[in-house]
Amino acid sequence: MKQIRLALFTRYPTPGTAKTRLIPALGGEGAAALHARLTERTTAILRAAGHATEIHYSGGAVESWPRWLGSDLTYIAQAEGDLTDRLLAAIDPAPVIFFGSDTPDLADHHVMAAIAALDQADVVIGPAEDGGYYLIGIAQPYRYLFEDMRWSSEHVTPDTLARAREHDLRVILLESLADCDRPEDLARWPWLTP
């Protein structure tokens, strides 16, 4: 199996800046603590997959990241700009699988399925229930999959699939999972909050 980079995009759990949509329900400290738990959990799952794991980080001092998540990972500051700019700065070399840190049901088998899919397909997508995705993997640096996207909307996965079809890319879809983004999502995962 070819070596695939696993790239987690996350931010430092500073109260008031992490999981801000959950602050009305949890307060700044509680939302940051939840974000920290999700990031730690996702990092452990990626680390166990046995491929190069990169933390593409935002916020926090450079030295605070390995102290928090471990010195065995590669830490890369996210590029300036919107999500398109940040992803495009990280797409090469491919193959690469991008992850967010807000999917509580992500498990080892989802990561292994995504890795295996890139041996058979050009693109693998883990669709989120809200129309986005919790992971996307690319065999080559297909920039057009990330340019001019309607991020944070129900159009992300459908638009990505349409672009892949336009370019005759083979796509494998994984199981659909839910993200934890809004206060009403918290009831689904009571173990996330003390």
Protein backbone atom coordinates (compact mmCIF):
# COMPACT_ATOMS: atom_id res chain seq x y z
CA MET A 1 0.00 0.00 0.00
CA LYS A 2 1.38 3.41 -0.92
CA GLN A 3 2.29 5.93 1.76
CA ILE A 4 -0.57 8.37 2.25
CA ARG A 5 -0.35 11.57 4.25
CA LEU A 6 -3.08 11.99 6.87
CA ALA A 7 -3.66 15.70 7.44
CA LEU A 8 -5.74 16.90 10.38
CA PHE A 9 -6.88 20.51 10.25
CA THR A 10 -7.52 21.89 13.72
CA ARG A 11 -7.05 24.88 15.98
CA TYR A 12 -5.60 25.34 19.42
CA PRO A 13 -8.27 24.99 22.14
CA THR A 14 -8.17 28.60 23.31
CA PRO A 15 -11.41 29.55 25.09
CA GLY A 16 -13.45 31.92 22.96
CA THR A 17 -11.87 30.84 19.67
CA ALA A 18 -12.55 27.06 19.54
CA LYS A 19 -15.98 25.61 18.66
CA THR A 20 -17.51 29.06 18.89
CA ARG A 21 -20.97 27.89 17.82
CA LEU A 22 -21.08 25.76 20.98
CA ILE A 23 -20.23 28.65 23.32
CA PRO A 24 -23.92 29.53 23.95
CA ALA A 25 -24.43 26.02 25.35
CA LEU A 26 -21.06 25.31 26.97
CA GLY A 27 -19.36 28.65 27.54
CA GLY A 28 -15.93 29.46 26.15
CA GLU A 29 -14.04 27.10 28.48
CA GLY A 30 -16.47 24.22 27.91
CA ALA A 31 -16.41 24.59 24.12
CA ALA A 32 -12.61 24.70 24.12
CA ALA A 33 -12.45 21.61 26.35
CA LEU A 34 -14.79 19.72 24.02
CA HIS A 35 -12.69 20.75 21.02
CA ALA A 36 -9.55 19.54 22.82
CA ARG A 37 -11.14 16.14 23.51
CA LEU A 38 -12.22 15.74 19.88
CA THR A 39 -8.80 16.77 18.55
CA GLU A 40 -7.01 14.38 20.92
CA ARG A 41 -9.36 11.55 19.95
CA THR A 42 -8.97 12.17 16.21
CA THR A 43 -5.19 12.44 16.54
CA ALA A 44 -5.02 9.08 18.33
CA ILE A 45 -7.09 7.43 15.57
CA LEU A 46 -4.87 8.86 12.82
CA ARG A 47 -1.67 7.99 14.67
CA ALA A 48 -2.81 4.35 14.93
CA ALA A 49 -3.29 4.10 11.15
CA GLY A 50 0.47 3.83 10.60
CA HIS A 51 0.78 6.55 7.97
CA ALA A 52 2.49 9.93 8.21
CA THR A 53 0.23 12.15 10.30
CA GLU A 54 0.35 15.93 9.97
CA ILE A 55 -1.34 18.46 12.20
CA HIS A 56 -2.21 21.55 10.18
CA TYR A 57 -2.69 23.97 13.00
CA SER A 58 -4.15 27.39 13.68
CA GLY A 59 -3.60 29.34 16.90
CA GLY A 60 -1.37 28.56 19.84
CA ALA A 61 2.37 28.92 20.00
CA VAL A 62 4.36 26.58 17.76
CA GLU A 63 5.95 24.86 20.76
CA SER A 64 2.57 24.29 22.45
CA TRP A 65 1.43 21.82 19.81
CA PRO A 66 3.93 18.97 20.37
CA ARG A 67 3.58 19.47 24.12
CA TRP A 68 -0.16 18.95 23.70
CA LEU A 69 -0.44 16.23 21.05
CA GLY A 70 3.01 14.63 21.03
CA SER A 71 6.36 15.09 19.34
CA ASP A 72 5.93 12.15 16.93
CA LEU A 73 3.69 14.16 14.57
CA THR A 74 4.50 16.73 11.89
CA TYR A 75 3.18 20.22 12.65
CA ILE A 76 2.45 22.66 9.84
CA ALA A 77 0.94 26.11 10.27
CA GLN A 78 -2.20 26.54 8.18
CA ALA A 79 -1.88 28.97 5.28
CA GLU A 80 -3.51 32.36 5.55
CA GLY A 81 -6.91 32.81 3.92
CA ASP A 82 -10.11 30.82 3.69
CA LEU A 83 -10.55 27.06 3.72
CA THR A 84 -9.80 26.86 0.00
CA ASP A 85 -6.44 28.59 0.52
CA ARG A 86 -5.58 26.37 3.50
CA LEU A 87 -6.42 23.13 1.68
CA LEU A 88 -4.69 24.09 -1.56
CA ALA A 89 -1.51 24.89 0.37
CA ALA A 90 -1.54 21.33 1.71
CA ILE A 91 -2.56 19.18 -1.29
CA ASP A 92 0.92 18.38 -2.53
CA PRO A 93 2.37 15.80 -2.34
CA ALA A 94 -0.60 13.52 -2.90
CA PRO A 95 -2.01 11.11 -2.01
CA VAL A 96 -3.39 12.86 1.04
CA ILE A 97 -6.51 12.52 3.18
CA PHE A 98 -7.81 15.63 4.93
CA PHE A 99 -9.70 15.38 8.22
CA GLY A 100 -11.47 17.80 10.50
CA SER A 101 -11.62 17.33 14.26
CA ASP A 102 -15.36 17.60 14.86
CA THR A 103 -16.63 14.09 14.03
CA PRO A 104 -17.18 12.20 17.31
CA ASP A 105 -18.10 8.92 15.57
CA LEU A 106 -14.94 8.76 13.45
CA ALA A 107 -13.30 5.40 14.10
CA ASP A 108 -10.23 3.45 13.03
CA HIS A 109 -12.19 1.56 10.38
CA HIS A 110 -13.23 4.81 8.65
CA VAL A 111 -9.60 5.85 8.34
CA MET A 112 -8.50 2.43 7.11
CA ALA A 113 -11.36 2.36 4.59
CA ALA A 114 -10.30 5.78 3.27
CA ILE A 115 -6.69 4.64 2.93
CA ALA A 116 -7.75 1.46 1.11
CA ALA A 117 -10.08 3.43 -1.18
CA LEU A 118 -7.20 5.49 -2.56
CA ASP A 119 -5.66 2.28 -3.93
CA GLN A 120 -8.77 1.86 -6.10
CA ALA A 121 -10.10 5.37 -6.73
CA ASP A 122 -9.04 8.94 -7.43
CA VAL A 123 -11.08 10.44 -4.59
CA VAL A 124 -12.56 9.15 -1.36
CA ILE A 125 -15.18 11.14 0.56
CA GLY A 126 -16.58 10.58 4.01
CA PRO A 127 -19.85 12.53 3.70
CA ALA A 128 -21.21 14.39 6.69
CA GLU A 129 -24.93 14.32 7.37
CA ASP A 130 -25.12 18.11 6.92
CA GLY A 131 -23.94 17.92 3.28
CA GLY A 132 -20.27 18.56 3.96
CA TYR A 133 -17.64 15.91 4.51
CA TYR A 134 -15.63 14.70 7.48
CA LEU A 135 -12.79 13.51 5.26
CA ILE A 136 -11.69 13.80 1.69
CA GLY A 137 -8.80 11.93 0.16
CA ILE A 138 -7.19 12.59 -3.20
CA ALA A 139 -4.79 10.43 -5.18
CA GLN A 140 -3.44 13.45 -7.08
CA PRO A 141 -3.51 17.19 -6.30
CA TYR A 142 -6.91 17.90 -7.88
CA ARG A 143 -7.06 21.63 -7.13
CA TYR A 144 -10.46 22.09 -8.78
CA LEU A 145 -12.11 20.01 -6.05
CA PHE A 146 -11.39 22.81 -3.55
CA GLU A 147 -11.58 26.03 -5.58
CA ASP A 148 -14.65 28.32 -5.40
CA MET A 149 -16.51 25.99 -3.04
CA ARG A 150 -19.63 26.85 -1.07
CA TRP A 151 -18.03 25.87 2.23
CA SER A 152 -20.10 25.37 5.39
CA SER A 153 -23.18 24.50 3.37
CA GLU A 154 -25.16 21.45 2.32
CA HIS A 155 -23.64 21.84 -1.17
CA VAL A 156 -20.07 20.75 -0.35
CA THR A 157 -20.33 17.01 -1.03
CA PRO A 158 -22.78 17.30 -3.97
CA ASP A 159 -20.59 19.99 -5.61
CA THR A 160 -17.46 17.89 -5.05
CA LEU A 161 -19.13 14.85 -6.62
CA ALA A 162 -20.27 16.91 -9.61
CA ARG A 163 -16.75 18.22 -10.20
CA ALA A 164 -15.31 14.74 -9.91
CA ARG A 165 -17.80 13.51 -12.54
CA GLU A 166 -16.88 16.41 -14.85
CA HIS A 167 -13.24 15.30 -14.70
CA ASP A 168 -13.98 11.54 -14.94
CA LEU A 169 -12.57 10.85 -11.49
CA ARG A 170 -13.48 7.61 -9.75
CA VAL A 171 -14.97 8.36 -6.31
CA ILE A 172 -15.60 6.04 -3.38
CA LEU A 173 -18.08 7.21 -0.75
CA LEU A 174 -17.73 6.04 2.83
CA GLU A 175 -20.35 5.81 5.55
CA SER A 176 -22.09 9.07 6.35
CA LEU A 177 -21.33 10.53 9.81
CA ALA A 178 -22.48 13.57 11.76
CA ASP A 179 -20.37 16.50 12.89
CA CYS A 180 -20.70 18.15 16.28
CA ASP A 181 -21.09 21.82 15.41
CA ARG A 182 -24.20 23.27 17.07
CA PRO A 183 -25.69 23.17 20.57
CA GLU A 184 -28.49 20.86 19.40
CA ASP A 185 -25.86 18.32 18.30
CA LEU A 186 -24.63 17.78 21.86
CA ALA A 187 -27.50 15.51 22.88
CA ARG A 188 -26.28 12.94 20.35
CA TRP A 189 -22.99 12.44 22.21
CA PRO A 190 -23.55 12.86 25.96
CA TRP A 191 -20.06 11.52 26.67
CA LEU A 192 -18.55 14.64 25.07
CA THR A 193 -19.58 16.96 27.89
CA PRO A 194 -19.01 16.43 31.62
